[in-house]
C-alpha atoms as a PDB file:
ATOM      1  CA  LYS A   1       0.000  -0.004   0.001  1.00  0.00           C
ATOM      2  CA  TYR A   2       1.208   3.438  -0.853  1.00  0.00           C
ATOM      3  CA  LEU A   3      -0.064   6.887  -0.091  1.00  0.00           C
ATOM      4  CA  LEU A   4       0.870   9.093  -3.004  1.00  0.00           C
ATOM      5  CA  MET A   5       0.408  12.792  -3.565  1.00  0.00           C
ATOM      6  CA  LEU A   6       0.325  13.271  -7.303  1.00  0.00           C
ATOM      7  CA  PRO A   7      -1.682  14.840 -10.110  1.00  0.00           C
ATOM      8  CA  SER A   8      -3.843  11.891 -11.119  1.00  0.00           C
ATOM      9  CA  TRP A   9      -7.280  13.335 -11.729  1.00  0.00           C
ATOM     10  CA  PRO A  10      -8.442  10.718 -14.274  1.00  0.00           C
ATOM     11  CA  LEU A  11      -7.655   7.998 -11.729  1.00  0.00           C
ATOM     12  CA  VAL A  12      -9.628   9.654  -8.915  1.00  0.00           C
ATOM     13  CA  ARG A  13     -12.408  11.389 -10.810  1.00  0.00           C
ATOM     14  CA  GLU A  14     -15.043   8.756 -10.103  1.00  0.00           C
ATOM     15  CA  HIS A  15     -14.253   8.757  -6.371  1.00  0.00           C
ATOM     16  CA  ILE A  16     -14.328  12.552  -6.249  1.00  0.00           C
ATOM     17  CA  ALA A  17     -17.641  12.729  -8.158  1.00  0.00           C
ATOM     18  CA  SER A  18     -19.226  10.237  -5.748  1.00  0.00           C
ATOM     19  CA  ALA A  19     -17.981  12.144  -2.680  1.00  0.00           C
ATOM     20  CA  CYS A  20     -19.209  15.439  -4.134  1.00  0.00           C
ATOM     21  CA  GLU A  21     -22.672  13.974  -4.687  1.00  0.00           C
ATOM     22  CA  ARG A  22     -22.799  13.131  -0.952  1.00  0.00           C
ATOM     23  CA  SER A  23     -21.541  16.571   0.132  1.00  0.00           C
ATOM     24  CA  ASN A  24     -24.988  18.190   0.006  1.00  0.00           C
ATOM     25  CA  GLY A  25     -23.703  20.929  -2.293  1.00  0.00           C
ATOM     26  CA  ARG A  26     -20.517  21.763  -0.382  1.00  0.00           C
ATOM     27  CA  PHE A  27     -18.173  20.537  -3.108  1.00  0.00           C
ATOM     28  CA  SER A  28     -18.320  19.869  -6.808  1.00  0.00           C
ATOM     29  CA  GLU A  29     -15.940  18.068  -9.138  1.00  0.00           C
ATOM     30  CA  ASP A  30     -14.921  21.398 -10.665  1.00  0.00           C
ATOM     31  CA  THR A  31     -14.259  23.180  -7.371  1.00  0.00           C
ATOM     32  CA  THR A  32     -12.380  20.193  -5.981  1.00  0.00           C
ATOM     33  CA  TYR A  33     -10.243  19.966  -9.118  1.00  0.00           C
ATOM     34  CA  SER A  34      -9.500  23.713  -9.016  1.00  0.00           C
ATOM     35  CA  LEU A  35      -8.553  23.678  -5.345  1.00  0.00           C
ATOM     36  CA  CYS A  36      -6.232  20.701  -5.864  1.00  0.00           C
ATOM     37  CA  GLN A  37      -4.669  22.248  -8.988  1.00  0.00           C
ATOM     38  CA  SER A  38      -4.048  25.537  -7.191  1.00  0.00           C
ATOM     39  CA  GLY A  39      -2.385  23.854  -4.219  1.00  0.00           C
ATOM     40  CA  HIS A  40      -4.988  25.040  -1.727  1.00  0.00           C
ATOM     41  CA  TRP A  41      -5.990  21.390  -1.287  1.00  0.00           C
ATOM     42  CA  GLN A  42      -3.798  18.329  -1.610  1.00  0.00           C
ATOM     43  CA  LEU A  43      -4.839  15.225  -3.526  1.00  0.00           C
ATOM     44  CA  TRP A  44      -3.711  11.890  -2.080  1.00  0.00           C
ATOM     45  CA  VAL A  45      -4.147   8.498  -3.699  1.00  0.00           C
ATOM     46  CA  VAL A  46      -3.956   5.172  -1.876  1.00  0.00           C
ATOM     47  CA  TRP A  47      -2.587   2.651  -4.337  1.00  0.00           C
ATOM     48  CA  ASP A  48      -2.067  -1.071  -3.805  1.00  0.00           C
ATOM     49  CA  GLU A  49       0.970  -1.803  -5.976  1.00  0.00           C
ATOM     50  CA  GLU A  50       0.692  -5.579  -5.604  1.00  0.00           C
ATOM     51  CA  ALA A  51      -2.932  -5.679  -6.739  1.00  0.00           C
ATOM     52  CA  LYS A  52      -2.475  -2.702  -9.111  1.00  0.00           C
ATOM     53  CA  LYS A  53      -5.590  -1.255  -7.525  1.00  0.00           C
ATOM     54  CA  HIS A  54      -6.748   2.232  -6.565  1.00  0.00           C
ATOM     55  CA  MET A  55      -7.954   1.907  -2.982  1.00  0.00           C
ATOM     56  CA  ALA A  56      -8.841   5.439  -1.853  1.00  0.00           C
ATOM     57  CA  THR A  57      -8.841   9.131  -2.668  1.00  0.00           C
ATOM     58  CA  ILE A  58      -8.274  11.764  -0.016  1.00  0.00           C
ATOM     59  CA  THR A  59      -8.135  15.548  -0.174  1.00  0.00           C
ATOM     60  CA  THR A  60      -6.620  17.636   2.598  1.00  0.00           C
ATOM     61  CA  LYS A  61      -5.990  21.239   3.426  1.00  0.00           C
ATOM     62  CA  ILE A  62      -4.426  23.301   6.177  1.00  0.00           C
ATOM     63  CA  SER A  63      -6.946  25.563   7.904  1.00  0.00           C
ATOM     64  CA  GLU A  64      -6.024  28.481  10.093  1.00  0.00           C
ATOM     65  CA  PHE A  65      -8.325  29.770  12.810  1.00  0.00           C
ATOM     66  CA  PRO A  66      -8.541  33.427  13.938  1.00  0.00           C
ATOM     67  CA  THR A  67      -6.310  32.574  16.931  1.00  0.00           C
ATOM     68  CA  GLY A  68      -3.544  31.455  14.584  1.00  0.00           C
ATOM     69  CA  MET A  69      -4.035  27.789  15.413  1.00  0.00           C
ATOM     70  CA  ARG A  70      -3.539  25.594  12.346  1.00  0.00           C
ATOM     71  CA  ALA A  71      -5.384  22.359  11.648  1.00  0.00           C
ATOM     72  CA  GLY A  72      -4.786  19.655   9.109  1.00  0.00           C
ATOM     73  CA  GLU A  73      -8.164  18.873   7.644  1.00  0.00           C
ATOM     74  CA  ILE A  74      -9.303  15.824   5.732  1.00  0.00           C
ATOM     75  CA  VAL A  75     -11.937  17.254   3.411  1.00  0.00           C
ATOM     76  CA  ILE A  76     -12.764  14.205   1.266  1.00  0.00           C
ATOM     77  CA  CYS A  77     -11.896  10.634   2.112  1.00  0.00           C
ATOM     78  CA  THR A  78     -13.471   7.872   0.085  1.00  0.00           C
ATOM     79  CA  GLY A  79     -12.472   4.444  -1.102  1.00  0.00           C
ATOM     80  CA  VAL A  80     -12.824   0.692  -0.767  1.00  0.00           C
ATOM     81  CA  GLU A  81     -11.586  -1.809   1.804  1.00  0.00           C
ATOM     82  CA  ARG A  82     -10.879   0.907   4.397  1.00  0.00           C
ATOM     83  CA  SER A  83      -9.354  -1.517   6.897  1.00  0.00           C
ATOM     84  CA  ARG A  84      -6.471  -2.137   4.451  1.00  0.00           C
ATOM     85  CA  TRP A  85      -5.388   1.516   4.286  1.00  0.00           C
ATOM     86  CA  VAL A  86      -6.799   3.450   7.238  1.00  0.00           C
ATOM     87  CA  ASP A  87      -3.422   3.240   8.994  1.00  0.00           C
ATOM     88  CA  LEU A  88      -1.976   5.452   6.239  1.00  0.00           C
ATOM     89  CA  LEU A  89      -3.872   8.380   7.767  1.00  0.00           C
ATOM     90  CA  ASP A  90      -0.918   8.548  10.191  1.00  0.00           C
ATOM     91  CA  ASP A  91       1.113   9.843   7.226  1.00  0.00           C
ATOM     92  CA  LEU A  92      -1.411  12.642   6.729  1.00  0.00           C
ATOM     93  CA  GLU A  93      -1.092  13.572  10.394  1.00  0.00           C
ATOM     94  CA  GLU A  94       2.698  13.773   9.993  1.00  0.00           C
ATOM     95  CA  TRP A  95       2.240  15.914   6.861  1.00  0.00           C
ATOM     96  CA  ALA A  96      -0.108  18.244   8.752  1.00  0.00           C
ATOM     97  CA  GLN A  97       2.257  18.558  11.694  1.00  0.00           C
ATOM     98  CA  ALA A  98       5.160  19.307   9.332  1.00  0.00           C
ATOM     99  CA  ASN A  99       2.996  22.129   7.943  1.00  0.00           C
ATOM    100  CA  GLY A 100       2.400  23.709  11.345  1.00  0.00           C
ATOM    101  CA  ALA A 101      -0.852  22.010  12.292  1.00  0.00           C
ATOM    102  CA  GLU A 102      -1.571  21.412  15.968  1.00  0.00           C
ATOM    103  CA  VAL A 103      -4.607  19.221  15.336  1.00  0.00           C
ATOM    104  CA  MET A 104      -6.035  16.995  12.634  1.00  0.00           C
ATOM    105  CA  GLN A 105      -9.742  17.180  11.924  1.00  0.00           C
ATOM    106  CA  THR A 106     -12.386  15.866   9.595  1.00  0.00           C
ATOM    107  CA  LEU A 107     -16.105  16.124   9.161  1.00  0.00           C
ATOM    108  CA  ALA A 108     -17.100  12.546   8.472  1.00  0.00           C
ATOM    109  CA  ARG A 109     -19.911  10.053   8.609  1.00  0.00           C
ATOM    110  CA  LYS A 110     -20.472   8.382  11.976  1.00  0.00           C
ATOM    111  CA  GLY A 111     -18.890   5.094  10.854  1.00  0.00           C
ATOM    112  CA  TRP A 112     -15.489   6.781  10.790  1.00  0.00           C
ATOM    113  CA  ALA A 113     -15.602   7.208  14.597  1.00  0.00           C
ATOM    114  CA  LYS A 114     -15.139   3.458  14.998  1.00  0.00           C
ATOM    115  CA  ALA A 115     -12.342   3.350  12.420  1.00  0.00           C
ATOM    116  CA  LEU A 116     -10.392   6.165  14.108  1.00  0.00           C
ATOM    117  CA  PRO A 117     -10.311   5.339  17.829  1.00  0.00           C
ATOM    118  CA  ALA A 118      -7.503   7.854  18.510  1.00  0.00           C
ATOM    119  CA  TYR A 119      -9.880  10.635  17.414  1.00  0.00           C
ATOM    120  CA  PHE A 120     -12.622  11.811  19.730  1.00  0.00           C
ATOM    121  CA  MET A 121     -16.014  13.128  18.729  1.00  0.00           C
ATOM    122  CA  SER A 122     -15.960  16.727  19.897  1.00  0.00           C
ATOM    123  CA  HIS A 123     -18.978  17.881  17.909  1.00  0.00           C
ATOM    124  CA  VAL A 124     -21.669  16.533  15.683  1.00  0.00           C
ATOM    125  CA  MET A 125     -22.821  18.524  12.688  1.00  0.00           C
ATOM    126  CA  LEU A 126     -26.571  18.590  12.210  1.00  0.00           C
ATOM    127  CA  GLU A 127     -27.955  20.041   9.041  1.00  0.00           C
ATOM    128  CA  LYS A 128     -31.315  21.266   7.798  1.00  0.00           C
ATOM    129  CA  ARG A 129     -31.948  22.381   4.230  1.00  0.00           C
ATOM    130  CA  LEU A 130     -33.655  25.776   4.025  1.00  0.00           C
END
């Protein structure tokens, strides 16, 4: 398993489109592509070299709060066979820390809480369409 940061949009496009459909209008393929191209977001690909298989697509960014605190943020994380690659998120935490982040955060579906026991659920986002 490898976690790669590379420009591979054709490889990840289907994963990104699927994640954008579930974002309730927060992201689109075009905005995600633009943010990755500009360097505001990072595009990570989990690749299983042995199986020659694309396992996951992840986008990240560094957010800065008004206090100056920086956070590494997983914006999109989607893929297959999560148990085979979830440990690679440690690499993203190291990347975030190397970029000045004090915390790592993600807004995710509830099932991720079980997959990331080192993370605690500090808030729950509830949403109502107006």
